[in-house]
Protein backbone atom coordinates (compact mmCIF):
# COMPACT_ATOMS: atom_id res chain seq x y z
CA MET A 1 142.34 138.15 101.70
CA LYS A 2 145.54 137.14 103.16
CA LEU A 3 147.87 140.17 104.21
CA THR A 4 151.58 139.64 104.87
CA TYR A 5 153.56 142.34 106.49
CA TYR A 6 157.19 143.14 105.23
CA GLY A 7 157.86 146.07 107.44
CA HIS A 8 157.44 149.90 107.52
CA SER A 9 154.46 150.56 104.95
CA CYS A 10 155.04 147.23 102.86
CA LEU A 11 152.21 144.70 102.68
CA GLY A 12 151.50 141.71 100.41
CA VAL A 13 147.83 141.21 99.87
CA GLU A 14 146.58 137.81 98.14
CA VAL A 15 143.41 138.38 96.55
CA ALA A 16 141.44 137.04 93.59
CA GLY A 17 144.39 134.78 92.59
CA LYS A 18 146.72 137.66 92.56
CA THR A 19 149.52 139.11 94.91
CA LEU A 20 149.48 142.92 95.32
CA MET A 21 152.67 144.18 96.84
CA PHE A 22 152.43 147.78 98.53
CA ASP A 23 155.32 150.14 98.96
CA PRO A 24 158.28 147.73 99.03
CA PHE A 25 160.92 148.93 101.29
CA ILE A 26 162.60 145.83 102.59
CA THR A 27 166.34 145.61 101.59
CA PRO A 28 167.23 148.86 103.39
CA ASN A 29 165.23 148.10 106.42
CA GLY A 30 167.20 146.77 109.34
CA LEU A 31 164.00 145.44 110.88
CA ALA A 32 163.37 143.17 107.79
CA LYS A 33 166.80 141.65 107.49
CA HIS A 34 165.40 138.16 107.94
CA ILE A 35 163.06 138.64 104.66
CA ASP A 36 164.45 137.26 101.56
CA VAL A 37 163.18 139.66 98.75
CA ALA A 38 164.21 137.23 96.06
CA LYS A 39 161.32 135.05 97.23
CA ILE A 40 158.59 137.47 97.48
CA PRO A 41 155.76 137.10 94.85
CA ALA A 42 154.04 139.85 93.16
CA ASP A 43 151.69 140.25 90.32
CA TYR A 44 151.25 144.15 90.91
CA VAL A 45 153.39 146.71 92.94
CA LEU A 46 151.36 149.54 94.17
CA VAL A 47 153.27 152.61 95.23
CA THR A 48 151.73 155.40 97.15
CA HIS A 49 154.44 157.98 96.66
CA ALA A 50 158.04 158.78 95.47
CA HIS A 51 159.99 158.73 98.72
CA PHE A 52 162.85 155.93 98.96
CA ASP A 53 161.22 154.35 101.94
CA HIS A 54 158.30 153.38 99.77
CA LEU A 55 159.86 152.26 96.64
CA ALA A 56 163.46 150.93 97.30
CA ASP A 57 162.75 147.32 96.15
CA ALA A 58 159.82 148.13 93.68
CA ALA A 59 161.87 147.91 90.42
CA ALA A 60 163.72 144.75 91.31
CA ILE A 61 160.61 142.89 92.47
CA ALA A 62 158.72 144.02 89.36
CA LYS A 63 161.54 143.03 86.81
CA ARG A 64 161.88 139.68 88.60
CA CYS A 65 158.18 138.85 88.90
CA GLY A 66 157.04 140.60 85.56
CA ALA A 67 154.87 142.58 87.82
CA THR A 68 153.09 145.91 86.82
CA ILE A 69 153.95 148.88 88.92
CA VAL A 70 150.76 150.95 89.63
CA ALA A 71 151.43 154.62 90.83
CA ASN A 72 150.81 158.07 89.81
CA TYR A 73 151.84 159.17 86.38
CA GLU A 74 155.20 160.58 87.36
CA ILE A 75 156.38 157.69 89.22
CA CYS A 76 155.48 155.26 86.64
CA GLU A 77 157.29 157.39 83.87
CA TRP A 78 160.29 157.20 86.34
CA PHE A 79 160.10 153.45 86.83
CA GLY A 80 159.88 153.09 82.98
CA LYS A 81 163.17 154.76 82.72
CA GLN A 82 164.67 152.41 85.17
CA GLY A 83 163.76 149.60 82.95
CA VAL A 84 160.44 148.45 84.25
CA ALA A 85 158.47 146.97 81.37
CA LYS A 86 154.84 147.25 82.72
CA THR A 87 153.51 150.25 84.53
CA HIS A 88 150.23 151.69 84.97
CA GLY A 89 149.98 155.33 85.67
CA MET A 90 147.06 156.91 87.49
CA ASN A 91 146.08 160.45 89.07
CA HIS A 92 143.96 161.48 92.00
CA GLY A 93 140.28 160.60 91.89
CA GLY A 94 140.80 158.23 89.05
CA ALA A 95 140.07 154.52 89.02
CA TRP A 96 140.79 151.55 86.90
CA ARG A 97 139.59 148.03 86.96
CA PHE A 98 142.26 145.46 86.83
CA GLU A 99 141.83 141.56 86.61
CA PHE A 100 141.66 141.34 90.34
CA GLY A 101 139.27 144.25 91.02
CA ARG A 102 138.99 148.11 90.99
CA VAL A 103 141.69 150.43 92.21
CA LYS A 104 141.19 154.13 92.99
CA LEU A 105 143.86 156.55 93.70
CA VAL A 106 142.73 158.84 96.49
CA ASN A 107 144.26 161.96 98.28
CA ALA A 108 146.97 161.87 100.89
CA ILE A 109 148.68 165.13 102.44
CA HIS A 110 152.53 164.47 102.58
CA SER A 111 155.47 165.43 100.25
CA SER A 112 156.88 163.28 97.42
CA GLY A 113 160.13 163.35 95.58
CA LEU A 114 161.96 160.54 93.83
CA PRO A 115 165.32 159.28 94.93
CA ASP A 116 167.13 161.20 92.24
CA GLY A 117 165.50 164.46 93.09
CA SER A 118 163.03 164.60 90.06
CA TYR A 119 159.48 165.28 90.46
CA GLY A 120 157.39 162.57 92.03
CA GLY A 121 153.98 163.93 91.70
CA ASN A 122 151.50 164.12 94.56
CA PRO A 123 151.29 161.52 97.27
CA GLY A 124 148.22 159.30 97.38
CA GLY A 125 146.55 156.22 98.86
CA PHE A 126 144.68 153.44 97.27
CA VAL A 127 141.19 151.99 97.64
CA VAL A 128 140.98 148.54 96.41
CA GLU A 129 137.59 146.96 95.77
CA THR A 130 137.41 143.05 94.84
CA ALA A 131 134.93 140.33 94.85
CA GLU A 132 136.51 138.99 98.07
CA GLY A 133 136.57 142.21 99.86
CA ASN A 134 137.82 145.80 99.93
CA PHE A 135 140.56 147.61 101.71
CA TYR A 136 142.51 150.84 101.84
CA HIS A 137 146.18 151.74 102.09
CA SER A 138 146.56 155.30 103.31
CA GLY A 139 150.14 155.79 102.15
CA ASP A 140 151.93 158.55 104.21
CA THR A 141 149.30 161.22 105.13
CA ALA A 142 147.97 163.49 107.67
CA LEU A 143 144.57 163.04 108.95
CA THR A 144 142.13 164.61 106.29
CA LEU A 145 138.38 164.99 106.05
CA ASP A 146 138.54 163.45 102.53
CA MET A 147 138.77 160.13 104.20
CA LYS A 148 135.01 160.60 105.09
CA LEU A 149 134.35 160.18 101.31
CA ILE A 150 135.96 156.69 101.60
CA GLY A 151 133.75 155.70 104.42
CA GLU A 152 130.74 156.91 102.60
CA SER A 153 131.41 155.00 99.46
CA THR A 154 133.27 151.57 100.21
CA LYS A 155 132.58 149.21 102.75
CA LEU A 156 136.02 148.30 104.07
CA ASN A 157 137.16 144.78 105.36
CA PHE A 158 140.37 146.37 106.77
CA ALA A 159 142.62 149.51 106.20
CA ALA A 160 146.31 150.09 106.52
CA LEU A 161 146.91 153.37 108.35
CA CYS A 162 150.17 154.88 109.24
CA VAL A 163 150.44 155.34 113.04
CA GLY A 164 154.14 156.42 113.55
CA ASP A 165 153.48 160.25 114.04
CA ASN A 166 156.20 162.76 113.21
CA PHE A 167 156.11 162.36 109.35
CA THR A 168 152.49 161.23 109.34
CA MET A 169 149.48 160.55 111.24
CA GLY A 170 150.03 159.41 114.87
CA VAL A 171 147.81 156.82 116.92
CA ASP A 172 145.29 159.44 117.85
CA ASP A 173 144.78 160.65 114.32
CA ALA A 174 144.64 157.33 113.05
CA ILE A 175 141.83 156.38 115.22
CA ARG A 176 139.97 159.41 113.95
CA ALA A 177 140.78 158.20 110.39
CA ALA A 178 139.38 154.86 111.17
CA GLU A 179 136.35 156.53 112.25
CA PHE A 180 136.09 158.72 109.07
CA ILE A 181 136.33 155.42 106.81
CA ARG A 182 134.27 153.49 109.13
CA CYS A 183 136.52 150.53 109.45
CA ASP A 184 137.24 148.62 112.68
CA GLN A 185 140.08 146.49 111.47
CA ILE A 186 143.24 148.62 111.27
CA VAL A 187 146.70 147.50 110.10
CA GLY A 188 149.42 149.76 111.48
CA ILE A 189 152.10 150.82 109.22
CA HIS A 190 154.85 153.44 108.99
CA TYR A 191 156.00 152.77 112.64
CA ASP A 192 159.18 151.67 114.50
CA THR A 193 161.46 151.84 111.27
CA PHE A 194 163.34 154.82 112.57
CA PRO A 195 163.62 156.43 115.97
CA PRO A 196 161.25 159.30 115.29
CA ILE A 197 158.58 157.06 114.41
CA GLU A 198 158.78 154.52 117.28
CA ILE A 199 155.73 153.99 119.05
CA ASN A 200 154.46 152.35 122.50
CA ARG A 201 152.88 149.32 120.92
CA ALA A 202 150.82 148.33 124.06
CA GLU A 203 149.26 151.65 124.41
CA ALA A 204 148.57 152.00 120.68
CA VAL A 205 146.54 148.74 120.66
CA GLU A 206 144.79 149.68 124.01
CA LYS A 207 143.70 153.22 122.65
CA PHE A 208 142.26 151.60 119.58
CA ARG A 209 140.51 149.04 121.77
CA ALA A 210 139.03 151.73 123.65
CA ALA A 211 137.83 153.31 120.54
CA GLY A 212 135.98 149.88 119.66
CA LYS A 213 138.51 149.05 116.95
CA GLN A 214 141.26 146.51 116.50
CA LEU A 215 144.86 147.52 115.85
CA HIS A 216 146.96 144.67 114.19
CA LEU A 217 150.64 145.38 114.59
CA VAL A 218 151.53 142.24 112.45
CA PRO A 219 155.14 141.00 112.99
CA ILE A 220 157.36 141.31 109.99
CA GLY A 221 157.27 138.40 107.82
CA GLN A 222 153.89 137.03 109.35
CA SER A 223 150.36 137.13 108.01
CA VAL A 224 146.73 137.88 108.94
CA SER A 225 143.55 137.16 107.07
CA PHE A 226 140.56 139.25 106.77
């Protein structure tokens, strides 16, 4: 599996011949000015929750690529009204087998409201299981004991966990989350985009190393394979 980081919580994951885009927030992100959104491929766009900094580019990417947006039911209904032709609505605890593999929508503790103020349903994360490997995108969340259920049921190749603190887990709670999900390869997300979530990168990497885990803080636009 090849992962490309596009800043904030946005990842592109190439798996089973498909490209999955998570939480696209690129055009408004000053740290991602060098990324040309018009050149980003996507077969599926997975949105963890309704906040603007997780779906700003979702409709444009989905329309250009003919991609399917996967999210909770309320977000998918909203995107349908924005002219997105293909959506797949889900809800917490539910799973669906797509052509690339199985996706389960799992719990996250956060808030969620769509950019126009309408109801965005509950926030979540995604566990993706494929023949090439499995991974977890936490979305925006606090540390929760529900994460232990993921570790008990799915062997993960990597997990994308928020580390920016203030609005989500910080580094220390993300390390505990990594222990709960039994995963040693962690991709940091939701950090440095805004002043309240800026982190000390060297300190964060060292804390994970001391806990026997590897924190990948992938430069925006670059890729890593798992």
